[in-house]
């Protein structure tokens, strides 16, 4: 019984550490051409939420606030990306089409 409790505790801690650190070991940056931006209303966990989507030459990204990066300026970034053109973006996460998961943009800088 004691061994089972320890195993469950180890698994719970491992899942928490994975969730807490995933945005940092999946982070990256790239230069892309933004072709289109869109605001999509999605149901997430029984709650309706605005999700900004950014369509680029490199695929589709989302642009939402992130507690991991203390990012709370998604609408400002979306306004900048709406100008379209070349941008250097920083992001984290995975693209999993089956689950409608996108990499999340954390920063965007226009390239002149």
PDB file of N, CA and C in Angstrom:
ATOM      1  N   UNK A   1       0.818  -1.195   0.000  1.00  0.00           N
ATOM      2  CA  UNK A   1       0.000   0.000   0.000  1.00  0.00           C
ATOM      3  C   UNK A   1       0.863   1.262   0.000  1.00  0.00           C
ATOM      4  N   UNK A   2       1.913   1.233   0.818  1.00  0.00           N
ATOM      5  CA  UNK A   2       2.806   2.384   0.905  1.00  0.00           C
ATOM      6  C   UNK A   2       3.496   2.623  -0.441  1.00  0.00           C
ATOM      7  N   UNK A   3       3.879   1.540  -1.112  1.00  0.00           N
ATOM      8  CA  UNK A   3       4.545   1.627  -2.408  1.00  0.00           C
ATOM      9  C   UNK A   3       3.609   2.253  -3.459  1.00  0.00           C
ATOM     10  N   UNK A   4       2.328   1.928  -3.420  1.00  0.00           N
ATOM     11  CA  UNK A   4       1.338   2.479  -4.339  1.00  0.00           C
ATOM     12  C   UNK A   4       1.187   3.985  -4.139  1.00  0.00           C
ATOM     13  N   UNK A   5       1.117   4.406  -2.899  1.00  0.00           N
ATOM     14  CA  UNK A   5       0.989   5.837  -2.596  1.00  0.00           C
ATOM     15  C   UNK A   5       2.214   6.612  -3.083  1.00  0.00           C
ATOM     16  N   UNK A   6       3.395   6.065  -2.861  1.00  0.00           N
ATOM     17  CA  UNK A   6       4.630   6.709  -3.319  1.00  0.00           C
ATOM     18  C   UNK A   6       4.641   6.788  -4.843  1.00  0.00           C
ATOM     19  N   UNK A   7       4.233   5.723  -5.520  1.00  0.00           N
ATOM     20  CA  UNK A   7       4.194   5.710  -6.988  1.00  0.00           C
ATOM     21  C   UNK A   7       3.228   6.759  -7.515  1.00  0.00           C
ATOM     22  N   UNK A   8       2.051   6.842  -6.928  1.00  0.00           N
ATOM     23  CA  UNK A   8       1.070   7.849  -7.346  1.00  0.00           C
ATOM     24  C   UNK A   8       1.616   9.257  -7.121  1.00  0.00           C
ATOM     25  N   UNK A   9       2.246   9.483  -5.982  1.00  0.00           N
ATOM     26  CA  UNK A   9       2.827  10.789  -5.680  1.00  0.00           C
ATOM     27  C   UNK A   9       3.913  11.156  -6.685  1.00  0.00           C
ATOM     28  N   UNK A  10       4.772  10.204  -7.040  1.00  0.00           N
ATOM     29  CA  UNK A  10       5.838  10.453  -8.012  1.00  0.00           C
ATOM     30  C   UNK A  10       5.239  10.807  -9.379  1.00  0.00           C
ATOM     31  N   UNK A  11       4.206  10.083  -9.791  1.00  0.00           N
ATOM     32  CA  UNK A  11       3.565  10.359 -11.084  1.00  0.00           C
ATOM     33  C   UNK A  11       2.930  11.748 -11.078  1.00  0.00           C
ATOM     34  N   UNK A  12       2.238  12.104 -10.022  1.00  0.00           N
ATOM     35  CA  UNK A  12       1.608  13.424  -9.924  1.00  0.00           C
ATOM     36  C   UNK A  12       2.658  14.528  -9.985  1.00  0.00           C
ATOM     37  N   UNK A  13       3.748  14.373  -9.271  1.00  0.00           N
ATOM     38  CA  UNK A  13       4.818  15.375  -9.292  1.00  0.00           C
ATOM     39  C   UNK A  13       5.436  15.464 -10.684  1.00  0.00           C
ATOM     40  N   UNK A  14       5.658  14.322 -11.341  1.00  0.00           N
ATOM     41  CA  UNK A  14       6.245  14.313 -12.685  1.00  0.00           C
ATOM     42  C   UNK A  14       5.330  15.011 -13.688  1.00  0.00           C
ATOM     43  N   UNK A  15       4.038  14.768 -13.610  1.00  0.00           N
ATOM     44  CA  UNK A  15       3.087  15.432 -14.511  1.00  0.00           C
ATOM     45  C   UNK A  15       3.085  16.938 -14.266  1.00  0.00           C
ATOM     46  N   UNK A  16       3.087  17.347 -13.013  1.00  0.00           N
ATOM     47  CA  UNK A  16       3.112  18.774 -12.698  1.00  0.00           C
ATOM     48  C   UNK A  16       4.385  19.436 -13.212  1.00  0.00           C
ATOM     49  N   UNK A  17       5.521  18.824 -12.990  1.00  0.00           N
ATOM     50  CA  UNK A  17       6.795  19.388 -13.461  1.00  0.00           C
ATOM     51  C   UNK A  17       6.807  19.463 -14.992  1.00  0.00           C
ATOM     52  N   UNK A  18       6.292  18.436 -15.650  1.00  0.00           N
ATOM     53  CA  UNK A  18       6.199  18.462 -17.113  1.00  0.00           C
ATOM     54  C   UNK A  18       5.325  19.587 -17.610  1.00  0.00           C
ATOM     55  N   UNK A  19       4.154  19.773 -16.977  1.00  0.00           N
ATOM     56  CA  UNK A  19       3.250  20.853 -17.367  1.00  0.00           C
ATOM     57  C   UNK A  19       3.891  22.220 -17.123  1.00  0.00           C
ATOM     58  N   UNK A  20       4.567  22.373 -15.997  1.00  0.00           N
ATOM     59  CA  UNK A  20       5.145  23.662 -15.629  1.00  0.00           C
ATOM     60  C   UNK A  20       6.348  24.035 -16.491  1.00  0.00           C
ATOM     61  N   UNK A  21       7.091  23.045 -16.981  1.00  0.00           N
ATOM     62  CA  UNK A  21       8.316  23.342 -17.735  1.00  0.00           C
ATOM     63  C   UNK A  21       8.178  23.189 -19.242  1.00  0.00           C
ATOM     64  N   UNK A  22       7.115  22.550 -19.709  1.00  0.00           N
ATOM     65  CA  UNK A  22       6.926  22.315 -21.148  1.00  0.00           C
ATOM     66  C   UNK A  22       7.086  23.579 -21.998  1.00  0.00           C
ATOM     67  N   UNK A  23       6.505  24.722 -21.612  1.00  0.00           N
ATOM     68  CA  UNK A  23       6.662  25.907 -22.451  1.00  0.00           C
ATOM     69  C   UNK A  23       8.119  26.348 -22.623  1.00  0.00           C
ATOM     70  N   UNK A  24       8.990  25.993 -21.705  1.00  0.00           N
ATOM     71  CA  UNK A  24      10.371  26.441 -21.786  1.00  0.00           C
ATOM     72  C   UNK A  24      11.227  25.508 -22.637  1.00  0.00           C
ATOM     73  N   UNK A  25      10.957  24.195 -22.636  1.00  0.00           N
ATOM     74  CA  UNK A  25      11.763  23.312 -23.461  1.00  0.00           C
ATOM     75  C   UNK A  25      11.182  23.110 -24.846  1.00  0.00           C
ATOM     76  N   UNK A  26      10.032  23.744 -25.150  1.00  0.00           N
ATOM     77  CA  UNK A  26       9.497  23.721 -26.509  1.00  0.00           C
ATOM     78  C   UNK A  26       9.586  25.091 -27.160  1.00  0.00           C
ATOM     79  N   UNK A  27      10.277  26.016 -26.536  1.00  0.00           N
ATOM     80  CA  UNK A  27      10.368  27.388 -27.047  1.00  0.00           C
ATOM     81  C   UNK A  27      11.281  27.466 -28.262  1.00  0.00           C
ATOM     82  N   UNK A  28      10.990  28.431 -29.119  1.00  0.00           N
ATOM     83  CA  UNK A  28      11.816  28.659 -30.295  1.00  0.00           C
ATOM     84  C   UNK A  28      11.489  30.005 -30.901  1.00  0.00           C
ATOM     85  N   UNK A  29      12.173  30.335 -31.980  1.00  0.00           N
ATOM     86  CA  UNK A  29      11.873  31.564 -32.720  1.00  0.00           C
ATOM     87  C   UNK A  29      12.164  31.321 -34.195  1.00  0.00           C
ATOM     88  N   UNK A  30      11.478  32.073 -35.032  1.00  0.00           N
ATOM     89  CA  UNK A  30      11.641  31.926 -36.471  1.00  0.00           C
ATOM     90  C   UNK A  30      11.179  33.200 -37.165  1.00  0.00           C
ATOM     91  N   UNK A  31      11.581  33.353 -38.420  1.00  0.00           N
ATOM     92  CA  UNK A  31      11.105  34.457 -39.240  1.00  0.00           C
ATOM     93  C   UNK A  31      10.035  33.926 -40.175  1.00  0.00           C
ATOM     94  N   UNK A  32       8.900  34.608 -40.198  1.00  0.00           N
ATOM     95  CA  UNK A  32       7.771  34.155 -40.999  1.00  0.00           C
ATOM     96  C   UNK A  32       7.154  35.332 -41.747  1.00  0.00           C
ATOM     97  N   UNK A  33       6.371  35.006 -42.758  1.00  0.00           N
ATOM     98  CA  UNK A  33       5.551  35.995 -43.438  1.00  0.00           C
ATOM     99  C   UNK A  33       4.112  35.771 -43.001  1.00  0.00           C
ATOM    100  N   UNK A  34       3.527  36.778 -42.366  1.00  0.00           N
ATOM    101  CA  UNK A  34       2.139  36.676 -41.908  1.00  0.00           C
ATOM    102  C   UNK A  34       1.238  36.954 -43.108  1.00  0.00           C
ATOM    103  N   UNK A  35       0.327  36.017 -43.386  1.00  0.00           N
ATOM    104  CA  UNK A  35      -0.571  36.154 -44.529  1.00  0.00           C
ATOM    105  C   UNK A  35      -1.988  36.535 -44.125  1.00  0.00           C
ATOM    106  N   UNK A  36      -2.383  36.158 -42.897  1.00  0.00           N
ATOM    107  CA  UNK A  36      -3.765  36.413 -42.474  1.00  0.00           C
ATOM    108  C   UNK A  36      -3.845  36.246 -40.954  1.00  0.00           C
ATOM    109  N   UNK A  37      -4.691  37.040 -40.307  1.00  0.00           N
ATOM    110  CA  UNK A  37      -4.958  36.868 -38.880  1.00  0.00           C
ATOM    111  C   UNK A  37      -6.468  36.735 -38.690  1.00  0.00           C
ATOM    112  N   UNK A  38      -6.856  36.039 -37.628  1.00  0.00           N
ATOM    113  CA  UNK A  38      -8.271  35.779 -37.398  1.00  0.00           C
ATOM    114  C   UNK A  38      -8.547  35.667 -35.904  1.00  0.00           C
ATOM    115  N   UNK A  39      -9.735  36.105 -35.507  1.00  0.00           N
ATOM    116  CA  UNK A  39     -10.182  35.967 -34.129  1.00  0.00           C
ATOM    117  C   UNK A  39     -11.232  34.875 -34.112  1.00  0.00           C
ATOM    118  N   UNK A  40     -11.008  33.817 -33.337  1.00  0.00           N
ATOM    119  CA  UNK A  40     -11.912  32.671 -33.311  1.00  0.00           C
ATOM    120  C   UNK A  40     -12.441  32.480 -31.896  1.00  0.00           C
ATOM    121  N   UNK A  41     -13.737  32.284 -31.772  1.00  0.00           N
ATOM    122  CA  UNK A  41     -14.351  32.032 -30.478  1.00  0.00           C
ATOM    123  C   UNK A  41     -14.427  30.522 -30.278  1.00  0.00           C
ATOM    124  N   UNK A  42     -13.750  29.998 -29.227  1.00  0.00           N
ATOM    125  CA  UNK A  42     -13.684  28.555 -28.999  1.00  0.00           C
ATOM    126  C   UNK A  42     -14.240  28.215 -27.630  1.00  0.00           C
ATOM    127  N   UNK A  43     -14.792  27.024 -27.523  1.00  0.00           N
ATOM    128  CA  UNK A  43     -15.209  26.496 -26.224  1.00  0.00           C
ATOM    129  C   UNK A  43     -14.041  25.730 -25.628  1.00  0.00           C
ATOM    130  N   UNK A  44     -13.573  26.162 -24.475  1.00  0.00           N
ATOM    131  CA  UNK A  44     -12.475  25.487 -23.790  1.00  0.00           C
ATOM    132  C   UNK A  44     -12.911  25.206 -22.371  1.00  0.00           C
ATOM    133  N   UNK A  45     -13.008  23.929 -22.053  1.00  0.00           N
ATOM    134  CA  UNK A  45     -13.377  23.501 -20.703  1.00  0.00           C
ATOM    135  C   UNK A  45     -14.715  24.104 -20.273  1.00  0.00           C
ATOM    136  N   UNK A  46     -15.679  24.138 -21.203  1.00  0.00           N
ATOM    137  CA  UNK A  46     -17.005  24.660 -20.887  1.00  0.00           C
ATOM    138  C   UNK A  46     -17.069  26.171 -20.804  1.00  0.00           C
ATOM    139  N   UNK A  47     -16.022  26.849 -21.234  1.00  0.00           N
ATOM    140  CA  UNK A  47     -15.969  28.300 -21.161  1.00  0.00           C
ATOM    141  C   UNK A  47     -15.627  28.844 -22.545  1.00  0.00           C
ATOM    142  N   UNK A  48     -16.336  29.855 -22.985  1.00  0.00           N
ATOM    143  CA  UNK A  48     -16.046  30.454 -24.299  1.00  0.00           C
ATOM    144  C   UNK A  48     -14.856  31.401 -24.170  1.00  0.00           C
ATOM    145  N   UNK A  49     -13.934  31.290 -25.122  1.00  0.00           N
ATOM    146  CA  UNK A  49     -12.702  32.067 -25.045  1.00  0.00           C
ATOM    147  C   UNK A  49     -12.311  32.546 -26.437  1.00  0.00           C
ATOM    148  N   UNK A  50     -11.884  33.810 -26.529  1.00  0.00           N
ATOM    149  CA  UNK A  50     -11.342  34.326 -27.783  1.00  0.00           C
ATOM    150  C   UNK A  50      -9.945  33.775 -27.983  1.00  0.00           C
ATOM    151  N   UNK A  51      -9.694  33.266 -29.178  1.00  0.00           N
ATOM    152  CA  UNK A  51      -8.366  32.779 -29.534  1.00  0.00           C
ATOM    153  C   UNK A  51      -7.954  33.478 -30.814  1.00  0.00           C
ATOM    154  N   UNK A  52      -6.819  34.123 -30.783  1.00  0.00           N
ATOM    155  CA  UNK A  52      -6.294  34.771 -31.972  1.00  0.00           C
ATOM    156  C   UNK A  52      -5.475  33.756 -32.752  1.00  0.00           C
ATOM    157  N   UNK A  53      -5.774  33.599 -34.031  1.00  0.00           N
ATOM    158  CA  UNK A  53      -5.001  32.720 -34.901  1.00  0.00           C
ATOM    159  C   UNK A  53      -4.201  33.561 -35.874  1.00  0.00           C
ATOM    160  N   UNK A  54      -2.974  33.115 -36.152  1.00  0.00           N
ATOM    161  CA  UNK A  54      -2.072  33.814 -37.057  1.00  0.00           C
ATOM    162  C   UNK A  54      -1.632  32.814 -38.123  1.00  0.00           C
ATOM    163  N   UNK A  55      -1.962  33.097 -39.371  1.00  0.00           N
ATOM    164  CA  UNK A  55      -1.603  32.228 -40.482  1.00  0.00           C
ATOM    165  C   UNK A  55      -0.339  32.770 -41.129  1.00  0.00           C
ATOM    166  N   UNK A  56       0.673  31.922 -41.254  1.00  0.00           N
ATOM    167  CA  UNK A  56       1.975  32.361 -41.759  1.00  0.00           C
ATOM    168  C   UNK A  56       2.473  31.412 -42.846  1.00  0.00           C
ATOM    169  N   UNK A  57       3.614  31.767 -43.406  1.00  0.00           N
ATOM    170  CA  UNK A  57       4.274  30.917 -44.395  1.00  0.00           C
ATOM    171  C   UNK A  57       4.807  29.641 -43.753  1.00  0.00           C
ATOM    172  N   UNK A  58       4.897  29.624 -42.431  1.00  0.00           N
ATOM    173  CA  UNK A  58       5.457  28.486 -41.699  1.00  0.00           C
ATOM    174  C   UNK A  58       4.381  27.647 -41.007  1.00  0.00           C
ATOM    175  N   UNK A  59       3.114  27.979 -41.191  1.00  0.00           N
ATOM    176  CA  UNK A  59       2.038  27.258 -40.532  1.00  0.00           C
ATOM    177  C   UNK A  59       1.160  28.196 -39.731  1.00  0.00           C
ATOM    178  N   UNK A  60       0.280  27.627 -38.940  1.00  0.00           N
ATOM    179  CA  UNK A  60      -0.659  28.406 -38.141  1.00  0.00           C
ATOM    180  C   UNK A  60      -0.203  28.434 -36.688  1.00  0.00           C
ATOM    181  N   UNK A  61      -0.310  29.607 -36.078  1.00  0.00           N
ATOM    182  CA  UNK A  61       0.048  29.811 -34.672  1.00  0.00           C
ATOM    183  C   UNK A  61      -1.166  30.386 -33.962  1.00  0.00           C
ATOM    184  N   UNK A  62      -1.202  30.250 -32.634  1.00  0.00           N
ATOM    185  CA  UNK A  62      -2.211  30.946 -31.850  1.00  0.00           C
ATOM    186  C   UNK A  62      -1.511  32.064 -31.084  1.00  0.00           C
ATOM    187  N   UNK A  63      -2.297  33.001 -30.645  1.00  0.00           N
ATOM    188  CA  UNK A  63      -1.767  34.132 -29.910  1.00  0.00           C
ATOM    189  C   UNK A  63      -2.702  34.359 -28.724  1.00  0.00           C
ATOM    190  N   UNK A  64      -2.387  33.727 -27.598  1.00  0.00           N
ATOM    191  CA  UNK A  64      -3.209  33.865 -26.396  1.00  0.00           C
ATOM    192  C   UNK A  64      -2.321  34.242 -25.219  1.00  0.00           C
ATOM    193  N   UNK A  65      -2.957  34.780 -24.194  1.00  0.00           N
ATOM    194  CA  UNK A  65      -2.205  35.126 -22.985  1.00  0.00           C
ATOM    195  C   UNK A  65      -1.604  33.868 -22.370  1.00  0.00           C
ATOM    196  N   UNK A  66      -0.469  34.044 -21.688  1.00  0.00           N
ATOM    197  CA  UNK A  66       0.248  32.908 -21.130  1.00  0.00           C
ATOM    198  C   UNK A  66       0.765  33.238 -19.736  1.00  0.00           C
ATOM    199  N   UNK A  67       0.297  32.489 -18.770  1.00  0.00           N
ATOM    200  CA  UNK A  67       0.780  32.667 -17.405  1.00  0.00           C
ATOM    201  C   UNK A  67       2.245  32.257 -17.285  1.00  0.00           C
ATOM    202  N   UNK A  68       2.666  31.245 -18.056  1.00  0.00           N
ATOM    203  CA  UNK A  68       4.056  30.787 -17.997  1.00  0.00           C
ATOM    204  C   UNK A  68       5.049  31.897 -18.347  1.00  0.00           C
ATOM    205  N   UNK A  69       4.707  32.718 -19.321  1.00  0.00           N
ATOM    206  CA  UNK A  69       5.597  33.784 -19.765  1.00  0.00           C
ATOM    207  C   UNK A  69       5.153  35.157 -19.276  1.00  0.00           C
ATOM    208  N   UNK A  70       4.168  35.213 -18.394  1.00  0.00           N
ATOM    209  CA  UNK A  70       3.593  36.469 -17.915  1.00  0.00           C
ATOM    210  C   UNK A  70       3.243  37.366 -19.094  1.00  0.00           C
ATOM    211  N   UNK A  71       2.624  36.773 -20.119  1.00  0.00           N
ATOM    212  CA  UNK A  71       2.240  37.485 -21.334  1.00  0.00           C
ATOM    213  C   UNK A  71       0.743  37.777 -21.257  1.00  0.00           C
ATOM    214  N   UNK A  72       0.405  39.055 -21.205  1.00  0.00           N
ATOM    215  CA  UNK A  72      -0.988  39.465 -21.108  1.00  0.00           C
ATOM    216  C   UNK A  72      -1.316  40.539 -22.137  1.00  0.00           C
ATOM    217  N   UNK A  73      -0.588  40.549 -23.259  1.00  0.00           N
ATOM    218  CA  UNK A  73      -0.786  41.569 -24.287  1.00  0.00           C
ATOM    219  C   UNK A  73      -1.110  40.958 -25.654  1.00  0.00           C
ATOM    220  N   UNK A  74      -1.884  39.900 -25.663  1.00  0.00           N
ATOM    221  CA  UNK A  74      -2.191  39.209 -26.914  1.00  0.00           C
ATOM    222  C   UNK A  74      -2.876  40.110 -27.926  1.00  0.00           C
ATOM    223  N   UNK A  75      -3.799  40.946 -27.468  1.00  0.00           N
ATOM    224  CA  UNK A  75      -4.504  41.816 -28.421  1.00  0.00           C
ATOM    225  C   UNK A  75      -3.553  42.828 -29.054  1.00  0.00           C
ATOM    226  N   UNK A  76      -2.570  43.318 -28.297  1.00  0.00           N
ATOM    227  CA  UNK A  76      -1.585  44.244 -28.866  1.00  0.00           C
ATOM    228  C   UNK A  76      -0.736  43.555 -29.931  1.00  0.00           C
ATOM    229  N   UNK A  77      -0.300  42.333 -29.638  1.00  0.00           N
ATOM    230  CA  UNK A  77       0.500  41.574 -30.600  1.00  0.00           C
ATOM    231  C   UNK A  77      -0.336  41.265 -31.837  1.00  0.00           C
ATOM    232  N   UNK A  78      -1.606  40.921 -31.637  1.00  0.00           N
ATOM    233  CA  UNK A  78      -2.478  40.613 -32.776  1.00  0.00           C
ATOM    234  C   UNK A  78      -2.659  41.841 -33.663  1.00  0.00           C
ATOM    235  N   UNK A  79      -2.783  42.999 -33.061  1.00  0.00           N
ATOM    236  CA  UNK A  79      -2.892  44.234 -33.838  1.00  0.00           C
ATOM    237  C   UNK A  79      -1.648  44.497 -34.674  1.00  0.00           C
ATOM    238  N   UNK A  80      -0.497  44.210 -34.099  1.00  0.00           N
ATOM    239  CA  UNK A  80       0.761  44.367 -34.834  1.00  0.00           C
ATOM    240  C   UNK A  80       0.826  43.372 -35.997  1.00  0.00           C
ATOM    241  N   UNK A  81       0.442  42.120 -35.744  1.00  0.00           N
ATOM    242  CA  UNK A  81       0.502  41.080 -36.773  1.00  0.00           C
ATOM    243  C   UNK A  81      -0.537  41.300 -37.866  1.00  0.00           C
ATOM    244  N   UNK A  82      -1.612  42.041 -37.582  1.00  0.00           N
ATOM    245  CA  UNK A  82      -2.653  42.307 -38.578  1.00  0.00           C
ATOM    246  C   UNK A  82      -2.112  43.151 -39.730  1.00  0.00           C
ATOM    247  N   UNK A  83      -0.996  43.841 -39.512  1.00  0.00           N
ATOM    248  CA  UNK A  83      -0.370  44.634 -40.577  1.00  0.00           C
ATOM    249  C   UNK A  83       0.223  43.734 -41.654  1.00  0.00           C
ATOM    250  N   UNK A  84       0.390  42.473 -41.331  1.00  0.00           N
ATOM    251  CA  UNK A  84       0.964  41.458 -42.212  1.00  0.00           C
ATOM    252  C   UNK A  84       2.393  41.834 -42.605  1.00  0.00           C
ATOM    253  N   UNK A  85       3.056  40.983 -43.364  1.00  0.00           N
ATOM    254  CA  UNK A  85       4.441  41.196 -43.742  1.00  0.00           C
ATOM    255  C   UNK A  85       5.359  40.207 -43.042  1.00  0.00           C
ATOM    256  N   UNK A  86       6.669  40.541 -42.982  1.00  0.00           N
ATOM    257  CA  UNK A  86       7.671  39.663 -42.358  1.00  0.00           C
ATOM    258  C   UNK A  86       7.824  40.014 -40.881  1.00  0.00           C
ATOM    259  N   UNK A  87       7.861  38.963 -40.051  1.00  0.00           N
ATOM    260  CA  UNK A  87       8.021  39.135 -38.609  1.00  0.00           C
ATOM    261  C   UNK A  87       8.987  38.089 -38.074  1.00  0.00           C
ATOM    262  N   UNK A  88       9.687  38.470 -37.024  1.00  0.00           N
ATOM    263  CA  UNK A  88      10.444  37.496 -36.237  1.00  0.00           C
ATOM    264  C   UNK A  88       9.565  37.211 -35.026  1.00  0.00           C
ATOM    265  N   UNK A  89       9.162  35.936 -34.883  1.00  0.00           N
ATOM    266  CA  UNK A  89       8.284  35.577 -33.773  1.00  0.00           C
ATOM    267  C   UNK A  89       8.986  34.602 -32.839  1.00  0.00           C
ATOM    268  N   UNK A  90       8.663  34.713 -31.559  1.00  0.00           N
ATOM    269  CA  UNK A  90       9.068  33.732 -30.550  1.00  0.00           C
ATOM    270  C   UNK A  90       7.811  32.987 -30.162  1.00  0.00           C
ATOM    271  N   UNK A  91       7.947  31.694 -29.900  1.00  0.00           N
ATOM    272  CA  UNK A  91       6.786  30.860 -29.632  1.00  0.00           C
ATOM    273  C   UNK A  91       7.160  29.722 -28.696  1.00  0.00           C
ATOM    274  N   UNK A  92       6.152  28.991 -28.239  1.00  0.00           N
ATOM    275  CA  UNK A  92       6.365  27.742 -27.514  1.00  0.00           C
ATOM    276  C   UNK A  92       5.217  26.799 -27.823  1.00  0.00           C
ATOM    277  N   UNK A  93       5.430  25.530 -27.572  1.00  0.00           N
ATOM    278  CA  UNK A  93       4.370  24.541 -27.724  1.00  0.00           C
ATOM    279  C   UNK A  93       4.528  23.658 -28.941  1.00  0.00           C
ATOM    280  N   UNK A  94       3.498  22.872 -29.194  1.00  0.00           N
ATOM    281  CA  UNK A  94       3.475  21.907 -30.287  1.00  0.00           C
ATOM    282  C   UNK A  94       2.308  22.205 -31.208  1.00  0.00           C
ATOM    283  N   UNK A  95       2.422  21.790 -32.457  1.00  0.00           N
ATOM    284  CA  UNK A  95       1.297  21.837 -33.387  1.00  0.00           C
ATOM    285  C   UNK A  95       0.763  20.415 -33.511  1.00  0.00           C
ATOM    286  N   UNK A  96      -0.447  20.187 -33.003  1.00  0.00           N
ATOM    287  CA  UNK A  96      -1.105  18.883 -33.083  1.00  0.00           C
ATOM    288  C   UNK A  96      -2.465  19.111 -33.740  1.00  0.00           C
ATOM    289  N   UNK A  97      -2.562  18.911 -35.070  1.00  0.00           N
ATOM    290  CA  UNK A  97      -3.808  19.212 -35.780  1.00  0.00           C
ATOM    291  C   UNK A  97      -5.023  18.449 -35.260  1.00  0.00           C
ATOM    292  N   UNK A  98      -4.864  17.187 -34.909  1.00  0.00           N
ATOM    293  CA  UNK A  98      -5.992  16.369 -34.445  1.00  0.00           C
ATOM    294  C   UNK A  98      -6.625  16.961 -33.186  1.00  0.00           C
ATOM    295  N   UNK A  99      -5.821  17.567 -32.334  1.00  0.00           N
ATOM    296  CA  UNK A  99      -6.311  18.145 -31.082  1.00  0.00           C
ATOM    297  C   UNK A  99      -6.537  19.652 -31.177  1.00  0.00           C
ATOM    298  N   UNK A 100      -6.394  20.223 -32.376  1.00  0.00           N
ATOM    299  CA  UNK A 100      -6.497  21.677 -32.584  1.00  0.00           C
ATOM    300  C   UNK A 100      -5.554  22.438 -31.665  1.00  0.00           C
ATOM    301  N   UNK A 101      -4.331  21.927 -31.514  1.00  0.00           N
ATOM    302  CA  UNK A 101      -3.302  22.597 -30.709  1.00  0.00           C
ATOM    303  C   UNK A 101      -2.354  23.334 -31.641  1.00  0.00           C
ATOM    304  N   UNK A 102      -2.003  24.556 -31.261  1.00  0.00           N
ATOM    305  CA  UNK A 102      -1.098  25.384 -32.046  1.00  0.00           C
ATOM    306  C   UNK A 102       0.041  25.870 -31.177  1.00  0.00           C
ATOM    307  N   UNK A 103       1.160  26.190 -31.800  1.00  0.00           N
ATOM    308  CA  UNK A 103       2.244  26.864 -31.084  1.00  0.00           C
ATOM    309  C   UNK A 103       1.735  28.255 -30.709  1.00  0.00           C
ATOM    310  N   UNK A 104       2.096  28.733 -29.513  1.00  0.00           N
ATOM    311  CA  UNK A 104       1.627  30.039 -29.022  1.00  0.00           C
ATOM    312  C   UNK A 104       2.727  31.079 -29.190  1.00  0.00           C
ATOM    313  N   UNK A 105       2.372  32.182 -29.811  1.00  0.00           N
ATOM    314  CA  UNK A 105       3.330  33.284 -30.019  1.00  0.00           C
ATOM    315  C   UNK A 105       3.496  34.061 -28.711  1.00  0.00           C
ATOM    316  N   UNK A 106       4.757  34.320 -28.338  1.00  0.00           N
ATOM    317  CA  UNK A 106       5.025  35.119 -27.139  1.00  0.00           C
ATOM    318  C   UNK A 106       5.535  36.518 -27.471  1.00  0.00           C
ATOM    319  N   UNK A 107       6.208  36.657 -28.613  1.00  0.00           N
ATOM    320  CA  UNK A 107       6.736  37.956 -29.056  1.00  0.00           C
ATOM    321  C   UNK A 107       6.664  38.027 -30.567  1.00  0.00           C
ATOM    322  N   UNK A 108       6.518  39.236 -31.096  1.00  0.00           N
ATOM    323  CA  UNK A 108       6.541  39.438 -32.542  1.00  0.00           C
ATOM    324  C   UNK A 108       7.194  40.781 -32.841  1.00  0.00           C
ATOM    325  N   UNK A 109       8.179  40.762 -33.723  1.00  0.00           N
ATOM    326  CA  UNK A 109       8.855  41.991 -34.120  1.00  0.00           C
ATOM    327  C   UNK A 109       8.835  42.094 -35.625  1.00  0.00           C
ATOM    328  N   UNK A 110       8.408  43.229 -36.152  1.00  0.00           N
ATOM    329  CA  UNK A 110       8.343  43.449 -37.608  1.00  0.00           C
ATOM    330  C   UNK A 110       9.754  43.541 -38.164  1.00  0.00           C
ATOM    331  N   UNK A 111       9.970  42.882 -39.312  1.00  0.00           N
ATOM    332  CA  UNK A 111      11.261  42.944 -40.009  1.00  0.00           C
ATOM    333  C   UNK A 111      11.098  43.894 -41.173  1.00  0.00           C
ATOM    334  N   UNK A 112      11.914  44.906 -41.214  1.00  0.00           N
ATOM    335  CA  UNK A 112      11.832  45.904 -42.304  1.00  0.00           C
ATOM    336  C   UNK A 112      12.580  45.436 -43.521  1.00  0.00           C
TER     337      UNK A 112
END
